[in-house]
């Protein structure tokens, strides 16, 4: 079943290649959407795809890439909309 998840990741998640690694992991899992840094130091991501693959991405976000110290991952599950064709970093 296809779903959508909106993520807010807190901790030391900027300056550690979190966005690039999230993009790579999402693509590896066959997901679409985007990831970006927020001015308050968090990382935000919106991903769509198979629910099982989204769960794997959420789990990955709990530790992130080497150098990241993830304090919290907020995940809001939503209905699939099919609005993305790939997974990109937004600036």
PDB file of N, CA and C in Angstrom:
ATOM      1  N   UNK A   1       0.836  -1.179   0.000  1.00  0.00           N
ATOM      2  CA  UNK A   1       0.000   0.000   0.000  1.00  0.00           C
ATOM      3  C   UNK A   1       0.885   1.249   0.000  1.00  0.00           C
ATOM      4  N   UNK A   2       0.548   2.198  -0.846  1.00  0.00           N
ATOM      5  CA  UNK A   2       1.326   3.427  -0.926  1.00  0.00           C
ATOM      6  C   UNK A   2       0.824   4.441   0.089  1.00  0.00           C
ATOM      7  N   UNK A   3       1.801   5.119   0.712  1.00  0.00           N
ATOM      8  CA  UNK A   3       1.508   6.126   1.725  1.00  0.00           C
ATOM      9  C   UNK A   3       2.436   7.314   1.524  1.00  0.00           C
ATOM     10  N   UNK A   4       2.338   8.241   2.453  1.00  0.00           N
ATOM     11  CA  UNK A   4       3.171   9.445   2.440  1.00  0.00           C
ATOM     12  C   UNK A   4       3.535   9.725   3.898  1.00  0.00           C
ATOM     13  N   UNK A   5       4.783  10.158   4.135  1.00  0.00           N
ATOM     14  CA  UNK A   5       5.189  10.497   5.491  1.00  0.00           C
ATOM     15  C   UNK A   5       5.951  11.825   5.476  1.00  0.00           C
ATOM     16  N   UNK A   6       5.597  12.679   6.417  1.00  0.00           N
ATOM     17  CA  UNK A   6       6.233  13.989   6.578  1.00  0.00           C
ATOM     18  C   UNK A   6       7.094  13.893   7.836  1.00  0.00           C
ATOM     19  N   UNK A   7       8.406  14.162   7.688  1.00  0.00           N
ATOM     20  CA  UNK A   7       9.348  13.977   8.784  1.00  0.00           C
ATOM     21  C   UNK A   7       9.993  15.281   9.212  1.00  0.00           C
ATOM     22  N   UNK A   8      10.177  15.441  10.511  1.00  0.00           N
ATOM     23  CA  UNK A   8      10.965  16.523  11.089  1.00  0.00           C
ATOM     24  C   UNK A   8      11.999  15.865  11.988  1.00  0.00           C
ATOM     25  N   UNK A   9      13.277  16.068  11.659  1.00  0.00           N
ATOM     26  CA  UNK A   9      14.366  15.414  12.372  1.00  0.00           C
ATOM     27  C   UNK A   9      15.156  16.471  13.132  1.00  0.00           C
ATOM     28  N   UNK A  10      15.324  16.260  14.452  1.00  0.00           N
ATOM     29  CA  UNK A  10      16.010  17.208  15.322  1.00  0.00           C
ATOM     30  C   UNK A  10      17.310  16.612  15.849  1.00  0.00           C
ATOM     31  N   UNK A  11      18.233  17.486  16.187  1.00  0.00           N
ATOM     32  CA  UNK A  11      19.511  17.073  16.754  1.00  0.00           C
ATOM     33  C   UNK A  11      20.639  17.732  15.982  1.00  0.00           C
ATOM     34  N   UNK A  12      21.797  17.075  15.951  1.00  0.00           N
ATOM     35  CA  UNK A  12      22.884  17.571  15.104  1.00  0.00           C
ATOM     36  C   UNK A  12      22.696  16.917  13.738  1.00  0.00           C
ATOM     37  N   UNK A  13      21.891  17.567  12.904  1.00  0.00           N
ATOM     38  CA  UNK A  13      21.512  16.977  11.620  1.00  0.00           C
ATOM     39  C   UNK A  13      21.836  17.883  10.433  1.00  0.00           C
ATOM     40  N   UNK A  14      22.420  19.046  10.707  1.00  0.00           N
ATOM     41  CA  UNK A  14      22.879  19.906   9.622  1.00  0.00           C
ATOM     42  C   UNK A  14      24.399  19.950   9.664  1.00  0.00           C
ATOM     43  N   UNK A  15      25.018  20.011   8.487  1.00  0.00           N
ATOM     44  CA  UNK A  15      26.467  20.024   8.407  1.00  0.00           C
ATOM     45  C   UNK A  15      27.095  18.646   8.507  1.00  0.00           C
ATOM     46  N   UNK A  16      26.276  17.595   8.403  1.00  0.00           N
ATOM     47  CA  UNK A  16      26.776  16.211   8.488  1.00  0.00           C
ATOM     48  C   UNK A  16      26.311  15.383   7.285  1.00  0.00           C
ATOM     49  N   UNK A  17      25.932  16.059   6.206  1.00  0.00           N
ATOM     50  CA  UNK A  17      25.470  15.422   4.967  1.00  0.00           C
ATOM     51  C   UNK A  17      24.182  14.621   5.155  1.00  0.00           C
ATOM     52  N   UNK A  18      23.346  15.063   6.087  1.00  0.00           N
ATOM     53  CA  UNK A  18      22.083  14.372   6.342  1.00  0.00           C
ATOM     54  C   UNK A  18      21.182  14.401   5.110  1.00  0.00           C
ATOM     55  N   UNK A  19      21.074  15.570   4.450  1.00  0.00           N
ATOM     56  CA  UNK A  19      20.193  15.667   3.283  1.00  0.00           C
ATOM     57  C   UNK A  19      20.642  14.750   2.158  1.00  0.00           C
ATOM     58  N   UNK A  20      21.927  14.782   1.834  1.00  0.00           N
ATOM     59  CA  UNK A  20      22.433  13.956   0.732  1.00  0.00           C
ATOM     60  C   UNK A  20      22.255  12.474   1.030  1.00  0.00           C
ATOM     61  N   UNK A  21      22.523  12.080   2.262  1.00  0.00           N
ATOM     62  CA  UNK A  21      22.366  10.677   2.622  1.00  0.00           C
ATOM     63  C   UNK A  21      20.901  10.258   2.668  1.00  0.00           C
ATOM     64  N   UNK A  22      20.025  11.174   3.083  1.00  0.00           N
ATOM     65  CA  UNK A  22      18.591  10.876   3.078  1.00  0.00           C
ATOM     66  C   UNK A  22      18.110  10.680   1.648  1.00  0.00           C
ATOM     67  N   UNK A  23      18.547  11.568   0.752  1.00  0.00           N
ATOM     68  CA  UNK A  23      18.194  11.433  -0.667  1.00  0.00           C
ATOM     69  C   UNK A  23      18.653  10.084  -1.208  1.00  0.00           C
ATOM     70  N   UNK A  24      19.891   9.715  -0.931  1.00  0.00           N
ATOM     71  CA  UNK A  24      20.427   8.447  -1.433  1.00  0.00           C
ATOM     72  C   UNK A  24      19.663   7.255  -0.877  1.00  0.00           C
ATOM     73  N   UNK A  25      19.342   7.301   0.420  1.00  0.00           N
ATOM     74  CA  UNK A  25      18.601   6.202   1.047  1.00  0.00           C
ATOM     75  C   UNK A  25      17.189   6.117   0.471  1.00  0.00           C
ATOM     76  N   UNK A  26      16.531   7.254   0.299  1.00  0.00           N
ATOM     77  CA  UNK A  26      15.176   7.263  -0.265  1.00  0.00           C
ATOM     78  C   UNK A  26      15.169   6.702  -1.682  1.00  0.00           C
ATOM     79  N   UNK A  27      16.141   7.104  -2.470  1.00  0.00           N
ATOM     80  CA  UNK A  27      16.219   6.581  -3.842  1.00  0.00           C
ATOM     81  C   UNK A  27      16.473   5.081  -3.842  1.00  0.00           C
ATOM     82  N   UNK A  28      17.345   4.628  -2.948  1.00  0.00           N
ATOM     83  CA  UNK A  28      17.637   3.199  -2.848  1.00  0.00           C
ATOM     84  C   UNK A  28      16.373   2.406  -2.500  1.00  0.00           C
ATOM     85  N   UNK A  29      15.499   3.022  -1.706  1.00  0.00           N
ATOM     86  CA  UNK A  29      14.254   2.379  -1.291  1.00  0.00           C
ATOM     87  C   UNK A  29      13.125   2.568  -2.301  1.00  0.00           C
ATOM     88  N   UNK A  30      13.382   3.294  -3.388  1.00  0.00           N
ATOM     89  CA  UNK A  30      12.368   3.501  -4.422  1.00  0.00           C
ATOM     90  C   UNK A  30      11.315   4.537  -4.055  1.00  0.00           C
ATOM     91  N   UNK A  31      11.689   5.483  -3.188  1.00  0.00           N
ATOM     92  CA  UNK A  31      10.741   6.503  -2.743  1.00  0.00           C
ATOM     93  C   UNK A  31      10.894   7.792  -3.534  1.00  0.00           C
ATOM     94  N   UNK A  32       9.872   8.623  -3.492  1.00  0.00           N
ATOM     95  CA  UNK A  32       9.915   9.933  -4.125  1.00  0.00           C
ATOM     96  C   UNK A  32       9.631  10.991  -3.067  1.00  0.00           C
ATOM     97  N   UNK A  33      10.026  12.248  -3.371  1.00  0.00           N
ATOM     98  CA  UNK A  33       9.777  13.342  -2.447  1.00  0.00           C
ATOM     99  C   UNK A  33      10.938  14.295  -2.385  1.00  0.00           C
ATOM    100  N   UNK A  34      11.185  14.852  -1.191  1.00  0.00           N
ATOM    101  CA  UNK A  34      12.257  15.835  -1.029  1.00  0.00           C
ATOM    102  C   UNK A  34      12.732  15.904   0.413  1.00  0.00           C
ATOM    103  N   UNK A  35      13.899  16.541   0.591  1.00  0.00           N
ATOM    104  CA  UNK A  35      14.465  16.784   1.907  1.00  0.00           C
ATOM    105  C   UNK A  35      15.090  18.173   1.895  1.00  0.00           C
ATOM    106  N   UNK A  36      15.033  18.887   3.051  1.00  0.00           N
ATOM    107  CA  UNK A  36      15.629  20.219   3.121  1.00  0.00           C
ATOM    108  C   UNK A  36      16.006  20.557   4.565  1.00  0.00           C
ATOM    109  N   UNK A  37      16.927  21.517   4.691  1.00  0.00           N
ATOM    110  CA  UNK A  37      17.281  22.061   5.996  1.00  0.00           C
ATOM    111  C   UNK A  37      16.264  23.138   6.363  1.00  0.00           C
ATOM    112  N   UNK A  38      15.974  23.254   7.644  1.00  0.00           N
ATOM    113  CA  UNK A  38      15.122  24.324   8.147  1.00  0.00           C
ATOM    114  C   UNK A  38      15.984  25.338   8.900  1.00  0.00           C
ATOM    115  N   UNK A  39      15.556  26.595   8.930  1.00  0.00           N
ATOM    116  CA  UNK A  39      16.340  27.637   9.612  1.00  0.00           C
ATOM    117  C   UNK A  39      16.580  27.356  11.098  1.00  0.00           C
ATOM    118  N   UNK A  40      15.715  26.555  11.732  1.00  0.00           N
ATOM    119  CA  UNK A  40      15.862  26.284  13.168  1.00  0.00           C
ATOM    120  C   UNK A  40      16.818  25.131  13.468  1.00  0.00           C
ATOM    121  N   UNK A  41      17.492  24.602  12.435  1.00  0.00           N
ATOM    122  CA  UNK A  41      18.471  23.537  12.644  1.00  0.00           C
ATOM    123  C   UNK A  41      17.950  22.136  12.409  1.00  0.00           C
ATOM    124  N   UNK A  42      16.647  21.991  12.180  1.00  0.00           N
ATOM    125  CA  UNK A  42      16.089  20.669  11.895  1.00  0.00           C
ATOM    126  C   UNK A  42      16.197  20.358  10.407  1.00  0.00           C
ATOM    127  N   UNK A  43      15.964  19.093  10.071  1.00  0.00           N
ATOM    128  CA  UNK A  43      15.834  18.651   8.682  1.00  0.00           C
ATOM    129  C   UNK A  43      14.386  18.212   8.500  1.00  0.00           C
ATOM    130  N   UNK A  44      13.801  18.618   7.374  1.00  0.00           N
ATOM    131  CA  UNK A  44      12.425  18.248   7.027  1.00  0.00           C
ATOM    132  C   UNK A  44      12.465  17.392   5.780  1.00  0.00           C
ATOM    133  N   UNK A  45      11.649  16.356   5.747  1.00  0.00           N
ATOM    134  CA  UNK A  45      11.551  15.508   4.560  1.00  0.00           C
ATOM    135  C   UNK A  45      10.097  15.124   4.331  1.00  0.00           C
ATOM    136  N   UNK A  46       9.753  14.942   3.075  1.00  0.00           N
ATOM    137  CA  UNK A  46       8.437  14.465   2.675  1.00  0.00           C
ATOM    138  C   UNK A  46       8.672  13.358   1.671  1.00  0.00           C
ATOM    139  N   UNK A  47       8.187  12.159   1.989  1.00  0.00           N
ATOM    140  CA  UNK A  47       8.448  11.009   1.119  1.00  0.00           C
ATOM    141  C   UNK A  47       7.162  10.256   0.826  1.00  0.00           C
ATOM    142  N   UNK A  48       7.122   9.696  -0.374  1.00  0.00           N
ATOM    143  CA  UNK A  48       5.980   8.873  -0.793  1.00  0.00           C
ATOM    144  C   UNK A  48       6.485   7.558  -1.360  1.00  0.00           C
ATOM    145  N   UNK A  49       5.664   6.529  -1.205  1.00  0.00           N
ATOM    146  CA  UNK A  49       5.998   5.234  -1.776  1.00  0.00           C
ATOM    147  C   UNK A  49       5.336   4.119  -0.995  1.00  0.00           C
ATOM    148  N   UNK A  50       5.877   2.917  -1.168  1.00  0.00           N
ATOM    149  CA  UNK A  50       5.337   1.755  -0.464  1.00  0.00           C
ATOM    150  C   UNK A  50       5.542   1.923   1.037  1.00  0.00           C
ATOM    151  N   UNK A  51       4.512   1.630   1.811  1.00  0.00           N
ATOM    152  CA  UNK A  51       4.548   1.858   3.250  1.00  0.00           C
ATOM    153  C   UNK A  51       5.742   1.175   3.918  1.00  0.00           C
ATOM    154  N   UNK A  52       6.056  -0.034   3.522  1.00  0.00           N
ATOM    155  CA  UNK A  52       7.181  -0.753   4.138  1.00  0.00           C
ATOM    156  C   UNK A  52       8.498  -0.024   3.888  1.00  0.00           C
ATOM    157  N   UNK A  53       8.679   0.526   2.697  1.00  0.00           N
ATOM    158  CA  UNK A  53       9.898   1.266   2.374  1.00  0.00           C
ATOM    159  C   UNK A  53       9.948   2.595   3.139  1.00  0.00           C
ATOM    160  N   UNK A  54       8.790   3.223   3.320  1.00  0.00           N
ATOM    161  CA  UNK A  54       8.729   4.456   4.112  1.00  0.00           C
ATOM    162  C   UNK A  54       9.118   4.174   5.562  1.00  0.00           C
ATOM    163  N   UNK A  55       8.663   3.057   6.103  1.00  0.00           N
ATOM    164  CA  UNK A  55       9.024   2.686   7.475  1.00  0.00           C
ATOM    165  C   UNK A  55      10.528   2.494   7.596  1.00  0.00           C
ATOM    166  N   UNK A  56      11.145   1.933   6.570  1.00  0.00           N
ATOM    167  CA  UNK A  56      12.602   1.763   6.582  1.00  0.00           C
ATOM    168  C   UNK A  56      13.314   3.108   6.558  1.00  0.00           C
ATOM    169  N   UNK A  57      12.782   4.064   5.794  1.00  0.00           N
ATOM    170  CA  UNK A  57      13.378   5.402   5.760  1.00  0.00           C
ATOM    171  C   UNK A  57      13.243   6.078   7.126  1.00  0.00           C
ATOM    172  N   UNK A  58      12.076   5.968   7.741  1.00  0.00           N
ATOM    173  CA  UNK A  58      11.868   6.556   9.072  1.00  0.00           C
ATOM    174  C   UNK A  58      12.867   5.950  10.051  1.00  0.00           C
ATOM    175  N   UNK A  59      13.043   4.644  10.011  1.00  0.00           N
ATOM    176  CA  UNK A  59      13.996   3.979  10.908  1.00  0.00           C
ATOM    177  C   UNK A  59      15.416   4.477  10.640  1.00  0.00           C
ATOM    178  N   UNK A  60      15.784   4.618   9.373  1.00  0.00           N
ATOM    179  CA  UNK A  60      17.114   5.128   9.024  1.00  0.00           C
ATOM    180  C   UNK A  60      17.311   6.530   9.595  1.00  0.00           C
ATOM    181  N   UNK A  61      16.280   7.358   9.536  1.00  0.00           N
ATOM    182  CA  UNK A  61      16.375   8.736  10.027  1.00  0.00           C
ATOM    183  C   UNK A  61      16.637   8.803  11.529  1.00  0.00           C
ATOM    184  N   UNK A  62      16.349   7.741  12.257  1.00  0.00           N
ATOM    185  CA  UNK A  62      16.590   7.739  13.698  1.00  0.00           C
ATOM    186  C   UNK A  62      18.076   7.726  14.039  1.00  0.00           C
ATOM    187  N   UNK A  63      18.925   7.347  13.077  1.00  0.00           N
ATOM    188  CA  UNK A  63      20.371   7.413  13.321  1.00  0.00           C
ATOM    189  C   UNK A  63      21.074   8.271  12.285  1.00  0.00           C
ATOM    190  N   UNK A  64      20.572   8.290  11.043  1.00  0.00           N
ATOM    191  CA  UNK A  64      21.161   9.139  10.005  1.00  0.00           C
ATOM    192  C   UNK A  64      22.562   8.709   9.621  1.00  0.00           C
ATOM    193  N   UNK A  65      23.295   9.601   8.951  1.00  0.00           N
ATOM    194  CA  UNK A  65      24.644   9.280   8.500  1.00  0.00           C
ATOM    195  C   UNK A  65      25.659   9.397   9.641  1.00  0.00           C
ATOM    196  N   UNK A  66      26.889   8.909   9.428  1.00  0.00           N
ATOM    197  CA  UNK A  66      27.940   9.093  10.437  1.00  0.00           C
ATOM    198  C   UNK A  66      28.101  10.592  10.736  1.00  0.00           C
ATOM    199  N   UNK A  67      28.271  10.931  11.994  1.00  0.00           N
ATOM    200  CA  UNK A  67      28.428  12.324  12.390  1.00  0.00           C
ATOM    201  C   UNK A  67      27.135  12.959  12.873  1.00  0.00           C
ATOM    202  N   UNK A  68      26.005  12.385  12.505  1.00  0.00           N
ATOM    203  CA  UNK A  68      24.718  12.920  12.956  1.00  0.00           C
ATOM    204  C   UNK A  68      24.430  12.434  14.373  1.00  0.00           C
ATOM    205  N   UNK A  69      23.776  13.279  15.141  1.00  0.00           N
ATOM    206  CA  UNK A  69      23.267  12.891  16.458  1.00  0.00           C
ATOM    207  C   UNK A  69      21.783  13.242  16.445  1.00  0.00           C
ATOM    208  N   UNK A  70      20.963  12.243  16.197  1.00  0.00           N
ATOM    209  CA  UNK A  70      19.520  12.455  16.074  1.00  0.00           C
ATOM    210  C   UNK A  70      18.890  12.418  17.464  1.00  0.00           C
ATOM    211  N   UNK A  71      18.195  13.480  17.814  1.00  0.00           N
ATOM    212  CA  UNK A  71      17.525  13.581  19.105  1.00  0.00           C
ATOM    213  C   UNK A  71      16.064  13.140  18.997  1.00  0.00           C
ATOM    214  N   UNK A  72      15.423  13.506  17.884  1.00  0.00           N
ATOM    215  CA  UNK A  72      13.993  13.200  17.742  1.00  0.00           C
ATOM    216  C   UNK A  72      13.616  13.123  16.272  1.00  0.00           C
ATOM    217  N   UNK A  73      12.712  12.199  15.947  1.00  0.00           N
ATOM    218  CA  UNK A  73      12.120  12.099  14.614  1.00  0.00           C
ATOM    219  C   UNK A  73      10.610  12.160  14.775  1.00  0.00           C
ATOM    220  N   UNK A  74      10.008  13.210  14.249  1.00  0.00           N
ATOM    221  CA  UNK A  74       8.554  13.326  14.244  1.00  0.00           C
ATOM    222  C   UNK A  74       8.070  12.842  12.876  1.00  0.00           C
ATOM    223  N   UNK A  75       7.150  11.895  12.872  1.00  0.00           N
ATOM    224  CA  UNK A  75       6.624  11.354  11.620  1.00  0.00           C
ATOM    225  C   UNK A  75       5.113  11.529  11.592  1.00  0.00           C
ATOM    226  N   UNK A  76       4.627  12.203  10.574  1.00  0.00           N
ATOM    227  CA  UNK A  76       3.183  12.369  10.386  1.00  0.00           C
ATOM    228  C   UNK A  76       2.793  11.607   9.115  1.00  0.00           C
ATOM    229  N   UNK A  77       1.988  10.579   9.257  1.00  0.00           N
ATOM    230  CA  UNK A  77       1.561   9.755   8.134  1.00  0.00           C
ATOM    231  C   UNK A  77       0.365  10.398   7.439  1.00  0.00           C
ATOM    232  N   UNK A  78       0.403  10.374   6.104  1.00  0.00           N
ATOM    233  CA  UNK A  78      -0.642  11.002   5.301  1.00  0.00           C
ATOM    234  C   UNK A  78      -1.030  10.076   4.144  1.00  0.00           C
ATOM    235  N   UNK A  79      -2.079  10.457   3.438  1.00  0.00           N
ATOM    236  CA  UNK A  79      -2.502   9.703   2.257  1.00  0.00           C
ATOM    237  C   UNK A  79      -1.547   9.965   1.097  1.00  0.00           C
ATOM    238  N   UNK A  80      -1.325   8.939   0.307  1.00  0.00           N
ATOM    239  CA  UNK A  80      -0.482   9.034  -0.891  1.00  0.00           C
ATOM    240  C   UNK A  80      -1.123   9.984  -1.897  1.00  0.00           C
ATOM    241  N   UNK A  81      -0.311  10.861  -2.495  1.00  0.00           N
ATOM    242  CA  UNK A  81      -0.813  11.793  -3.511  1.00  0.00           C
ATOM    243  C   UNK A  81      -0.173  11.595  -4.871  1.00  0.00           C
ATOM    244  N   UNK A  82       0.974  10.962  -4.919  1.00  0.00           N
ATOM    245  CA  UNK A  82       1.639  10.706  -6.201  1.00  0.00           C
ATOM    246  C   UNK A  82       2.110  11.955  -6.916  1.00  0.00           C
ATOM    247  N   UNK A  83       2.563  12.958  -6.171  1.00  0.00           N
ATOM    248  CA  UNK A  83       2.907  14.227  -6.803  1.00  0.00           C
ATOM    249  C   UNK A  83       4.380  14.392  -7.160  1.00  0.00           C
ATOM    250  N   UNK A  84       5.237  13.409  -6.857  1.00  0.00           N
ATOM    251  CA  UNK A  84       6.665  13.536  -7.137  1.00  0.00           C
ATOM    252  C   UNK A  84       7.130  12.488  -8.144  1.00  0.00           C
ATOM    253  N   UNK A  85       8.154  12.842  -8.916  1.00  0.00           N
ATOM    254  CA  UNK A  85       8.692  11.883  -9.891  1.00  0.00           C
ATOM    255  C   UNK A  85      10.046  11.336  -9.458  1.00  0.00           C
ATOM    256  N   UNK A  86      10.681  11.967  -8.474  1.00  0.00           N
ATOM    257  CA  UNK A  86      11.972  11.516  -7.970  1.00  0.00           C
ATOM    258  C   UNK A  86      12.136  11.994  -6.546  1.00  0.00           C
ATOM    259  N   UNK A  87      13.361  11.885  -6.019  1.00  0.00           N
ATOM    260  CA  UNK A  87      13.638  12.377  -4.669  1.00  0.00           C
ATOM    261  C   UNK A  87      14.780  13.369  -4.765  1.00  0.00           C
ATOM    262  N   UNK A  88      14.554  14.596  -4.276  1.00  0.00           N
ATOM    263  CA  UNK A  88      15.527  15.664  -4.454  1.00  0.00           C
ATOM    264  C   UNK A  88      15.818  16.404  -3.151  1.00  0.00           C
ATOM    265  N   UNK A  89      16.928  17.119  -3.159  1.00  0.00           N
ATOM    266  CA  UNK A  89      17.261  18.026  -2.071  1.00  0.00           C
ATOM    267  C   UNK A  89      16.693  19.389  -2.457  1.00  0.00           C
ATOM    268  N   UNK A  90      15.964  19.983  -1.548  1.00  0.00           N
ATOM    269  CA  UNK A  90      15.436  21.335  -1.772  1.00  0.00           C
ATOM    270  C   UNK A  90      16.266  22.314  -0.972  1.00  0.00           C
ATOM    271  N   UNK A  91      16.454  23.491  -1.562  1.00  0.00           N
ATOM    272  CA  UNK A  91      17.276  24.529  -0.911  1.00  0.00           C
ATOM    273  C   UNK A  91      16.427  25.728  -0.561  1.00  0.00           C
TER     274      UNK A  91
END
